[in-house]
Amino acid sequence: RKRVLAAPAAADWREGLKWEGRMEEMMAGQPRAKCWFILNKFKIAHMQGSLSTGSPHHVLSLIRLEERNVDLLGKMERFRDQGEAMCSISDNLAAAGKHQEAAGWLERARKIAEAHGFFSVECQACLGLGRGAMNEGRDAE
């Protein structure tokens, strides 16, 4: 367990990803904050893998991990971070050409941010929704 937690920090993302198959086992019975830490180590490894290789596998894995992160952050009542994670998912989905799904995540982020008073996240989500609309030629909205 200690090797996987140290690997991405040492910029050896491949070593960290060797342990991804045991992520559930590593997170079992751990407090939410520890689960968040473990989850983020794998996210960082996939981000580094994506930058190093350009492989879409890493982007799709990052989306999957970020979706789990959104759920975990909601349970931890870290709503600002949850909204930012939703915006991150949207960015990755848009990059993968899944624009409708991306817009859905931005709308969810906007609603979370509005409900909990995080104006900066709400603005980030609205900006993303506006960019998406412009890219689709809907500039009259």
N, C-alpha and C. Protein backbone atom coordinates (compact mmCIF):
# COMPACT_ATOMS: atom_id res chain seq x y z
N ARG A 1 0.82 -1.19 0.00
CA ARG A 1 0.00 0.00 0.00
C ARG A 1 0.86 1.25 0.00
N LYS A 2 1.93 1.27 0.76
CA LYS A 2 2.77 2.46 0.82
C LYS A 2 3.42 2.76 -0.53
N ARG A 3 3.76 1.72 -1.30
CA ARG A 3 4.40 1.94 -2.60
C ARG A 3 3.46 2.66 -3.56
N VAL A 4 2.19 2.28 -3.56
CA VAL A 4 1.25 2.93 -4.48
C VAL A 4 0.99 4.38 -4.06
N LEU A 5 0.99 4.63 -2.76
CA LEU A 5 0.75 5.99 -2.31
C LEU A 5 1.94 6.90 -2.60
N ALA A 6 3.12 6.34 -2.67
CA ALA A 6 4.31 7.14 -2.95
C ALA A 6 4.61 7.24 -4.44
N ALA A 7 4.17 6.29 -5.24
CA ALA A 7 4.58 6.22 -6.64
C ALA A 7 4.26 7.47 -7.46
N PRO A 8 3.01 7.95 -7.51
CA PRO A 8 2.76 9.12 -8.34
C PRO A 8 3.52 10.36 -7.88
N ALA A 9 3.75 10.46 -6.56
CA ALA A 9 4.51 11.60 -6.07
C ALA A 9 5.94 11.55 -6.59
N ALA A 10 6.42 10.34 -6.85
CA ALA A 10 7.78 10.18 -7.37
C ALA A 10 7.79 10.23 -8.90
N ALA A 11 6.69 10.62 -9.50
CA ALA A 11 6.53 10.75 -10.95
C ALA A 11 6.64 9.40 -11.67
N ASP A 12 6.46 8.32 -10.95
CA ASP A 12 6.45 7.00 -11.57
C ASP A 12 5.01 6.52 -11.63
N TRP A 13 4.26 7.11 -12.54
CA TRP A 13 2.83 6.82 -12.64
C TRP A 13 2.58 5.37 -13.01
N ARG A 14 3.47 4.75 -13.74
CA ARG A 14 3.27 3.34 -14.12
C ARG A 14 3.26 2.44 -12.89
N GLU A 15 4.14 2.71 -11.95
CA GLU A 15 4.19 1.92 -10.71
C GLU A 15 2.88 2.06 -9.94
N GLY A 16 2.37 3.26 -9.86
CA GLY A 16 1.11 3.47 -9.15
C GLY A 16 -0.05 2.72 -9.79
N LEU A 17 -0.09 2.73 -11.12
CA LEU A 17 -1.20 2.08 -11.81
C LEU A 17 -1.15 0.57 -11.73
N LYS A 18 0.00 -0.01 -11.40
CA LYS A 18 0.08 -1.45 -11.21
C LYS A 18 -0.84 -1.92 -10.08
N TRP A 19 -1.13 -1.01 -9.18
CA TRP A 19 -1.93 -1.34 -8.00
C TRP A 19 -3.40 -0.98 -8.15
N GLU A 20 -3.77 -0.43 -9.28
CA GLU A 20 -5.16 0.05 -9.43
C GLU A 20 -6.18 -1.08 -9.27
N GLY A 21 -5.84 -2.27 -9.68
CA GLY A 21 -6.74 -3.41 -9.53
C GLY A 21 -7.06 -3.75 -8.08
N ARG A 22 -6.25 -3.26 -7.18
CA ARG A 22 -6.46 -3.51 -5.75
C ARG A 22 -7.01 -2.28 -5.03
N MET A 23 -7.46 -1.30 -5.79
CA MET A 23 -7.94 -0.06 -5.19
C MET A 23 -9.09 -0.31 -4.21
N GLU A 24 -10.05 -1.14 -4.61
CA GLU A 24 -11.19 -1.41 -3.72
C GLU A 24 -10.73 -2.01 -2.40
N GLU A 25 -9.80 -2.94 -2.50
CA GLU A 25 -9.26 -3.58 -1.31
C GLU A 25 -8.56 -2.55 -0.41
N MET A 26 -7.82 -1.65 -1.05
CA MET A 26 -7.10 -0.62 -0.29
C MET A 26 -8.06 0.36 0.39
N MET A 27 -9.20 0.60 -0.22
CA MET A 27 -10.14 1.58 0.32
C MET A 27 -11.11 0.96 1.33
N ALA A 28 -11.24 -0.35 1.30
CA ALA A 28 -12.21 -1.03 2.17
C ALA A 28 -11.92 -0.72 3.64
N GLY A 29 -12.95 -0.27 4.34
CA GLY A 29 -12.86 -0.02 5.76
C GLY A 29 -12.10 1.24 6.15
N GLN A 30 -11.63 1.99 5.16
CA GLN A 30 -10.88 3.21 5.46
C GLN A 30 -11.85 4.39 5.65
N PRO A 31 -11.44 5.38 6.43
CA PRO A 31 -12.27 6.59 6.53
C PRO A 31 -12.35 7.28 5.16
N ARG A 32 -13.39 8.07 4.99
CA ARG A 32 -13.61 8.74 3.70
C ARG A 32 -12.43 9.57 3.25
N ALA A 33 -11.80 10.26 4.18
CA ALA A 33 -10.66 11.11 3.80
C ALA A 33 -9.51 10.26 3.25
N LYS A 34 -9.29 9.10 3.81
CA LYS A 34 -8.23 8.20 3.31
C LYS A 34 -8.63 7.66 1.94
N CYS A 35 -9.91 7.33 1.75
CA CYS A 35 -10.38 6.87 0.44
C CYS A 35 -10.18 7.95 -0.61
N TRP A 36 -10.46 9.19 -0.24
CA TRP A 36 -10.27 10.31 -1.15
C TRP A 36 -8.80 10.41 -1.55
N PHE A 37 -7.91 10.26 -0.58
CA PHE A 37 -6.48 10.33 -0.84
C PHE A 37 -6.04 9.23 -1.80
N ILE A 38 -6.48 8.00 -1.56
CA ILE A 38 -6.13 6.86 -2.42
C ILE A 38 -6.67 7.09 -3.83
N LEU A 39 -7.92 7.49 -3.92
CA LEU A 39 -8.55 7.76 -5.21
C LEU A 39 -7.78 8.82 -5.99
N ASN A 40 -7.35 9.85 -5.30
CA ASN A 40 -6.63 10.92 -5.97
C ASN A 40 -5.24 10.50 -6.42
N LYS A 41 -4.61 9.59 -5.73
CA LYS A 41 -3.32 9.07 -6.18
C LYS A 41 -3.47 8.39 -7.54
N PHE A 42 -4.55 7.62 -7.71
CA PHE A 42 -4.78 6.96 -8.99
C PHE A 42 -5.17 7.97 -10.07
N LYS A 43 -5.93 9.00 -9.69
CA LYS A 43 -6.27 10.06 -10.65
C LYS A 43 -5.01 10.75 -11.16
N ILE A 44 -4.11 11.08 -10.25
CA ILE A 44 -2.87 11.74 -10.63
C ILE A 44 -2.06 10.85 -11.56
N ALA A 45 -2.00 9.56 -11.24
CA ALA A 45 -1.26 8.63 -12.09
C ALA A 45 -1.84 8.59 -13.50
N HIS A 46 -3.18 8.58 -13.60
CA HIS A 46 -3.80 8.57 -14.93
C HIS A 46 -3.60 9.89 -15.66
N MET A 47 -3.60 11.01 -14.92
CA MET A 47 -3.31 12.30 -15.56
C MET A 47 -1.90 12.29 -16.14
N GLN A 48 -0.94 11.80 -15.34
CA GLN A 48 0.44 11.74 -15.82
C GLN A 48 0.55 10.77 -16.99
N GLY A 49 -0.17 9.66 -16.93
CA GLY A 49 -0.16 8.71 -18.04
C GLY A 49 -0.74 9.31 -19.30
N SER A 50 -1.80 10.08 -19.16
CA SER A 50 -2.41 10.73 -20.31
C SER A 50 -1.46 11.73 -20.95
N LEU A 51 -0.79 12.51 -20.11
CA LEU A 51 0.16 13.50 -20.63
C LEU A 51 1.37 12.82 -21.26
N SER A 52 1.79 11.70 -20.71
CA SER A 52 2.98 11.01 -21.22
C SER A 52 2.72 10.24 -22.50
N THR A 53 1.54 9.64 -22.59
CA THR A 53 1.28 8.73 -23.71
C THR A 53 0.25 9.24 -24.70
N GLY A 54 -0.63 10.14 -24.25
CA GLY A 54 -1.72 10.60 -25.10
C GLY A 54 -2.81 9.56 -25.28
N SER A 55 -2.76 8.49 -24.51
CA SER A 55 -3.72 7.39 -24.63
C SER A 55 -5.10 7.79 -24.10
N PRO A 56 -6.16 7.54 -24.90
CA PRO A 56 -7.51 7.83 -24.42
C PRO A 56 -7.91 6.94 -23.24
N HIS A 57 -7.24 5.80 -23.07
CA HIS A 57 -7.52 4.91 -21.94
C HIS A 57 -7.39 5.68 -20.62
N HIS A 58 -6.35 6.50 -20.52
CA HIS A 58 -6.11 7.24 -19.28
C HIS A 58 -7.20 8.27 -19.04
N VAL A 59 -7.67 8.92 -20.10
CA VAL A 59 -8.74 9.92 -19.96
C VAL A 59 -10.02 9.24 -19.48
N LEU A 60 -10.36 8.10 -20.08
CA LEU A 60 -11.58 7.39 -19.69
C LEU A 60 -11.47 6.88 -18.25
N SER A 61 -10.30 6.41 -17.86
CA SER A 61 -10.10 5.97 -16.48
C SER A 61 -10.19 7.15 -15.52
N LEU A 62 -9.65 8.28 -15.94
CA LEU A 62 -9.72 9.48 -15.12
C LEU A 62 -11.17 9.91 -14.91
N ILE A 63 -11.98 9.84 -15.95
CA ILE A 63 -13.40 10.17 -15.82
C ILE A 63 -14.07 9.24 -14.82
N ARG A 64 -13.80 7.95 -14.94
CA ARG A 64 -14.40 6.96 -14.03
C ARG A 64 -14.00 7.24 -12.58
N LEU A 65 -12.74 7.53 -12.35
CA LEU A 65 -12.27 7.83 -11.00
C LEU A 65 -12.85 9.14 -10.49
N GLU A 66 -12.97 10.13 -11.36
CA GLU A 66 -13.52 11.42 -10.96
C GLU A 66 -15.00 11.29 -10.60
N GLU A 67 -15.72 10.40 -11.29
CA GLU A 67 -17.12 10.17 -10.94
C GLU A 67 -17.23 9.60 -9.52
N ARG A 68 -16.34 8.70 -9.17
CA ARG A 68 -16.31 8.18 -7.80
C ARG A 68 -15.95 9.28 -6.82
N ASN A 69 -15.04 10.14 -7.23
CA ASN A 69 -14.62 11.25 -6.40
C ASN A 69 -15.80 12.19 -6.11
N VAL A 70 -16.63 12.45 -7.11
CA VAL A 70 -17.80 13.31 -6.94
C VAL A 70 -18.71 12.73 -5.85
N ASP A 71 -18.96 11.44 -5.92
CA ASP A 71 -19.81 10.78 -4.93
C ASP A 71 -19.20 10.90 -3.53
N LEU A 72 -17.92 10.62 -3.44
CA LEU A 72 -17.22 10.67 -2.15
C LEU A 72 -17.21 12.08 -1.58
N LEU A 73 -16.94 13.07 -2.41
CA LEU A 73 -16.93 14.46 -1.94
C LEU A 73 -18.30 14.90 -1.45
N GLY A 74 -19.37 14.43 -2.11
CA GLY A 74 -20.71 14.74 -1.63
C GLY A 74 -20.96 14.16 -0.25
N LYS A 75 -20.52 12.92 -0.03
CA LYS A 75 -20.68 12.29 1.29
C LYS A 75 -19.87 13.00 2.35
N MET A 76 -18.75 13.59 1.93
CA MET A 76 -17.90 14.34 2.86
C MET A 76 -18.39 15.78 3.03
N GLU A 77 -19.44 16.15 2.30
CA GLU A 77 -20.02 17.49 2.31
C GLU A 77 -18.99 18.55 1.89
N ARG A 78 -18.16 18.19 0.95
CA ARG A 78 -17.18 19.13 0.37
C ARG A 78 -17.74 19.56 -0.99
N PHE A 79 -18.76 20.40 -0.92
CA PHE A 79 -19.55 20.72 -2.10
C PHE A 79 -18.80 21.59 -3.12
N ARG A 80 -17.91 22.46 -2.67
CA ARG A 80 -17.12 23.24 -3.63
C ARG A 80 -16.23 22.30 -4.43
N ASP A 81 -15.54 21.42 -3.73
CA ASP A 81 -14.68 20.44 -4.40
C ASP A 81 -15.50 19.52 -5.30
N GLN A 82 -16.68 19.17 -4.86
CA GLN A 82 -17.56 18.31 -5.66
C GLN A 82 -17.93 19.01 -6.97
N GLY A 83 -18.29 20.28 -6.89
CA GLY A 83 -18.62 21.03 -8.10
C GLY A 83 -17.43 21.16 -9.04
N GLU A 84 -16.25 21.40 -8.47
CA GLU A 84 -15.05 21.50 -9.31
C GLU A 84 -14.74 20.17 -9.98
N ALA A 85 -14.95 19.07 -9.25
CA ALA A 85 -14.73 17.74 -9.84
C ALA A 85 -15.71 17.48 -10.98
N MET A 86 -16.95 17.94 -10.83
CA MET A 86 -17.94 17.80 -11.90
C MET A 86 -17.50 18.58 -13.15
N CYS A 87 -16.95 19.76 -12.93
CA CYS A 87 -16.44 20.55 -14.06
C CYS A 87 -15.27 19.85 -14.72
N SER A 88 -14.44 19.20 -13.93
CA SER A 88 -13.31 18.45 -14.47
C SER A 88 -13.79 17.28 -15.33
N ILE A 89 -14.81 16.58 -14.85
CA ILE A 89 -15.39 15.49 -15.64
C ILE A 89 -15.90 16.04 -16.97
N SER A 90 -16.57 17.17 -16.91
CA SER A 90 -17.10 17.79 -18.12
C SER A 90 -16.00 18.12 -19.11
N ASP A 91 -14.90 18.67 -18.62
CA ASP A 91 -13.77 19.00 -19.50
C ASP A 91 -13.25 17.75 -20.21
N ASN A 92 -13.10 16.68 -19.46
CA ASN A 92 -12.58 15.43 -20.04
C ASN A 92 -13.58 14.82 -21.02
N LEU A 93 -14.85 14.89 -20.70
CA LEU A 93 -15.87 14.36 -21.62
C LEU A 93 -15.90 15.17 -22.92
N ALA A 94 -15.81 16.49 -22.79
CA ALA A 94 -15.81 17.34 -23.98
C ALA A 94 -14.59 17.03 -24.85
N ALA A 95 -13.45 16.82 -24.20
CA ALA A 95 -12.25 16.48 -24.96
C ALA A 95 -12.40 15.14 -25.68
N ALA A 96 -13.22 14.25 -25.12
CA ALA A 96 -13.47 12.95 -25.73
C ALA A 96 -14.62 13.02 -26.74
N GLY A 97 -15.17 14.22 -26.96
CA GLY A 97 -16.24 14.40 -27.94
C GLY A 97 -17.63 14.09 -27.42
N LYS A 98 -17.78 13.93 -26.12
CA LYS A 98 -19.08 13.61 -25.52
C LYS A 98 -19.70 14.88 -24.94
N HIS A 99 -20.13 15.76 -25.84
CA HIS A 99 -20.55 17.10 -25.45
C HIS A 99 -21.86 17.13 -24.65
N GLN A 100 -22.80 16.27 -24.97
CA GLN A 100 -24.06 16.25 -24.22
C GLN A 100 -23.84 15.80 -22.78
N GLU A 101 -23.03 14.76 -22.61
CA GLU A 101 -22.70 14.31 -21.26
C GLU A 101 -21.96 15.40 -20.50
N ALA A 102 -21.05 16.08 -21.19
CA ALA A 102 -20.29 17.16 -20.57
C ALA A 102 -21.23 18.26 -20.05
N ALA A 103 -22.21 18.62 -20.86
CA ALA A 103 -23.18 19.65 -20.46
C ALA A 103 -23.98 19.21 -19.24
N GLY A 104 -24.32 17.93 -19.18
CA GLY A 104 -25.04 17.41 -18.02
C GLY A 104 -24.26 17.56 -16.72
N TRP A 105 -22.97 17.27 -16.78
CA TRP A 105 -22.12 17.43 -15.59
C TRP A 105 -21.99 18.90 -15.20
N LEU A 106 -21.90 19.78 -16.19
CA LEU A 106 -21.81 21.21 -15.88
C LEU A 106 -23.10 21.71 -15.23
N GLU A 107 -24.22 21.24 -15.70
CA GLU A 107 -25.49 21.64 -15.10
C GLU A 107 -25.59 21.15 -13.65
N ARG A 108 -25.15 19.93 -13.41
CA ARG A 108 -25.13 19.40 -12.03
C ARG A 108 -24.20 20.24 -11.15
N ALA A 109 -23.03 20.59 -11.69
CA ALA A 109 -22.08 21.41 -10.93
C ALA A 109 -22.69 22.77 -10.61
N ARG A 110 -23.37 23.35 -11.59
CA ARG A 110 -24.00 24.66 -11.38
C ARG A 110 -25.03 24.60 -10.25
N LYS A 111 -25.84 23.55 -10.27
CA LYS A 111 -26.89 23.40 -9.25
C LYS A 111 -26.30 23.19 -7.85
N ILE A 112 -25.26 22.37 -7.76
CA ILE A 112 -24.60 22.13 -6.46
C ILE A 112 -24.02 23.44 -5.94
N ALA A 113 -23.32 24.15 -6.82
CA ALA A 113 -22.68 25.41 -6.42
C ALA A 113 -23.72 26.45 -6.00
N GLU A 114 -24.80 26.54 -6.75
CA GLU A 114 -25.86 27.50 -6.41
C GLU A 114 -26.49 27.15 -5.06
N ALA A 115 -26.74 25.88 -4.84
CA ALA A 115 -27.39 25.44 -3.60
C ALA A 115 -26.52 25.70 -2.37
N HIS A 116 -25.22 25.67 -2.54
CA HIS A 116 -24.32 25.80 -1.39
C HIS A 116 -23.54 27.11 -1.37
N GLY A 117 -23.84 28.01 -2.31
CA GLY A 117 -23.26 29.35 -2.29
C GLY A 117 -21.82 29.45 -2.76
N PHE A 118 -21.41 28.58 -3.66
CA PHE A 118 -20.05 28.66 -4.19
C PHE A 118 -20.10 29.32 -5.57
N PHE A 119 -20.05 30.65 -5.53
CA PHE A 119 -20.22 31.46 -6.73
C PHE A 119 -19.16 31.17 -7.79
N SER A 120 -17.92 30.94 -7.37
CA SER A 120 -16.85 30.71 -8.34
C SER A 120 -17.08 29.42 -9.12
N VAL A 121 -17.57 28.39 -8.46
CA VAL A 121 -17.86 27.12 -9.14
C VAL A 121 -19.07 27.28 -10.06
N GLU A 122 -20.05 28.02 -9.58
CA GLU A 122 -21.23 28.28 -10.41
C GLU A 122 -20.83 29.02 -11.69
N CYS A 123 -19.94 30.00 -11.55
CA CYS A 123 -19.46 30.74 -12.72
C CYS A 123 -18.67 29.83 -13.66
N GLN A 124 -17.84 28.97 -13.09
CA GLN A 124 -17.06 28.04 -13.91
C GLN A 124 -17.99 27.13 -14.72
N ALA A 125 -19.04 26.64 -14.08
CA ALA A 125 -19.99 25.77 -14.76
C ALA A 125 -20.76 26.53 -15.84
N CYS A 126 -21.19 27.73 -15.53
CA CYS A 126 -21.92 28.54 -16.52
C CYS A 126 -21.04 28.89 -17.70
N LEU A 127 -19.77 29.18 -17.43
CA LEU A 127 -18.84 29.46 -18.51
C LEU A 127 -18.70 28.25 -19.42
N GLY A 128 -18.58 27.08 -18.83
CA GLY A 128 -18.49 25.85 -19.61
C GLY A 128 -19.75 25.60 -20.43
N LEU A 129 -20.91 25.85 -19.84
CA LEU A 129 -22.17 25.69 -20.57
C LEU A 129 -22.25 26.67 -21.74
N GLY A 130 -21.79 27.91 -21.50
CA GLY A 130 -21.80 28.91 -22.56
C GLY A 130 -20.85 28.56 -23.70
N ARG A 131 -19.68 28.07 -23.34
CA ARG A 131 -18.72 27.65 -24.38
C ARG A 131 -19.28 26.50 -25.20
N GLY A 132 -19.93 25.55 -24.51
CA GLY A 132 -20.52 24.43 -25.22
C GLY A 132 -21.60 24.88 -26.20
N ALA A 133 -22.43 25.82 -25.75
CA ALA A 133 -23.49 26.34 -26.61
C ALA A 133 -22.89 27.07 -27.82
N MET A 134 -21.84 27.85 -27.59
CA MET A 134 -21.18 28.57 -28.69
C MET A 134 -20.58 27.58 -29.69
N ASN A 135 -19.96 26.53 -29.18
CA ASN A 135 -19.34 25.53 -30.05
C ASN A 135 -20.38 24.80 -30.91
N GLU A 136 -21.60 24.73 -30.41
CA GLU A 136 -22.68 24.09 -31.16
C GLU A 136 -23.43 25.08 -32.03
N GLY A 137 -22.98 26.32 -32.06
CA GLY A 137 -23.62 27.33 -32.89
C GLY A 137 -24.84 27.96 -32.25
N ARG A 138 -25.05 27.74 -30.97
CA ARG A 138 -26.21 28.32 -30.27
C ARG A 138 -25.74 29.59 -29.55
N ASP A 139 -25.45 30.63 -30.32
CA ASP A 139 -24.93 31.85 -29.71
C ASP A 139 -26.03 32.86 -29.36
N ALA A 140 -27.27 32.54 -29.62
CA ALA A 140 -28.36 33.47 -29.30
C ALA A 140 -28.87 33.29 -27.87
N GLU A 141 -28.44 32.23 -27.19
CA GLU A 141 -28.95 31.96 -25.84
C GLU A 141 -28.42 32.91 -24.82
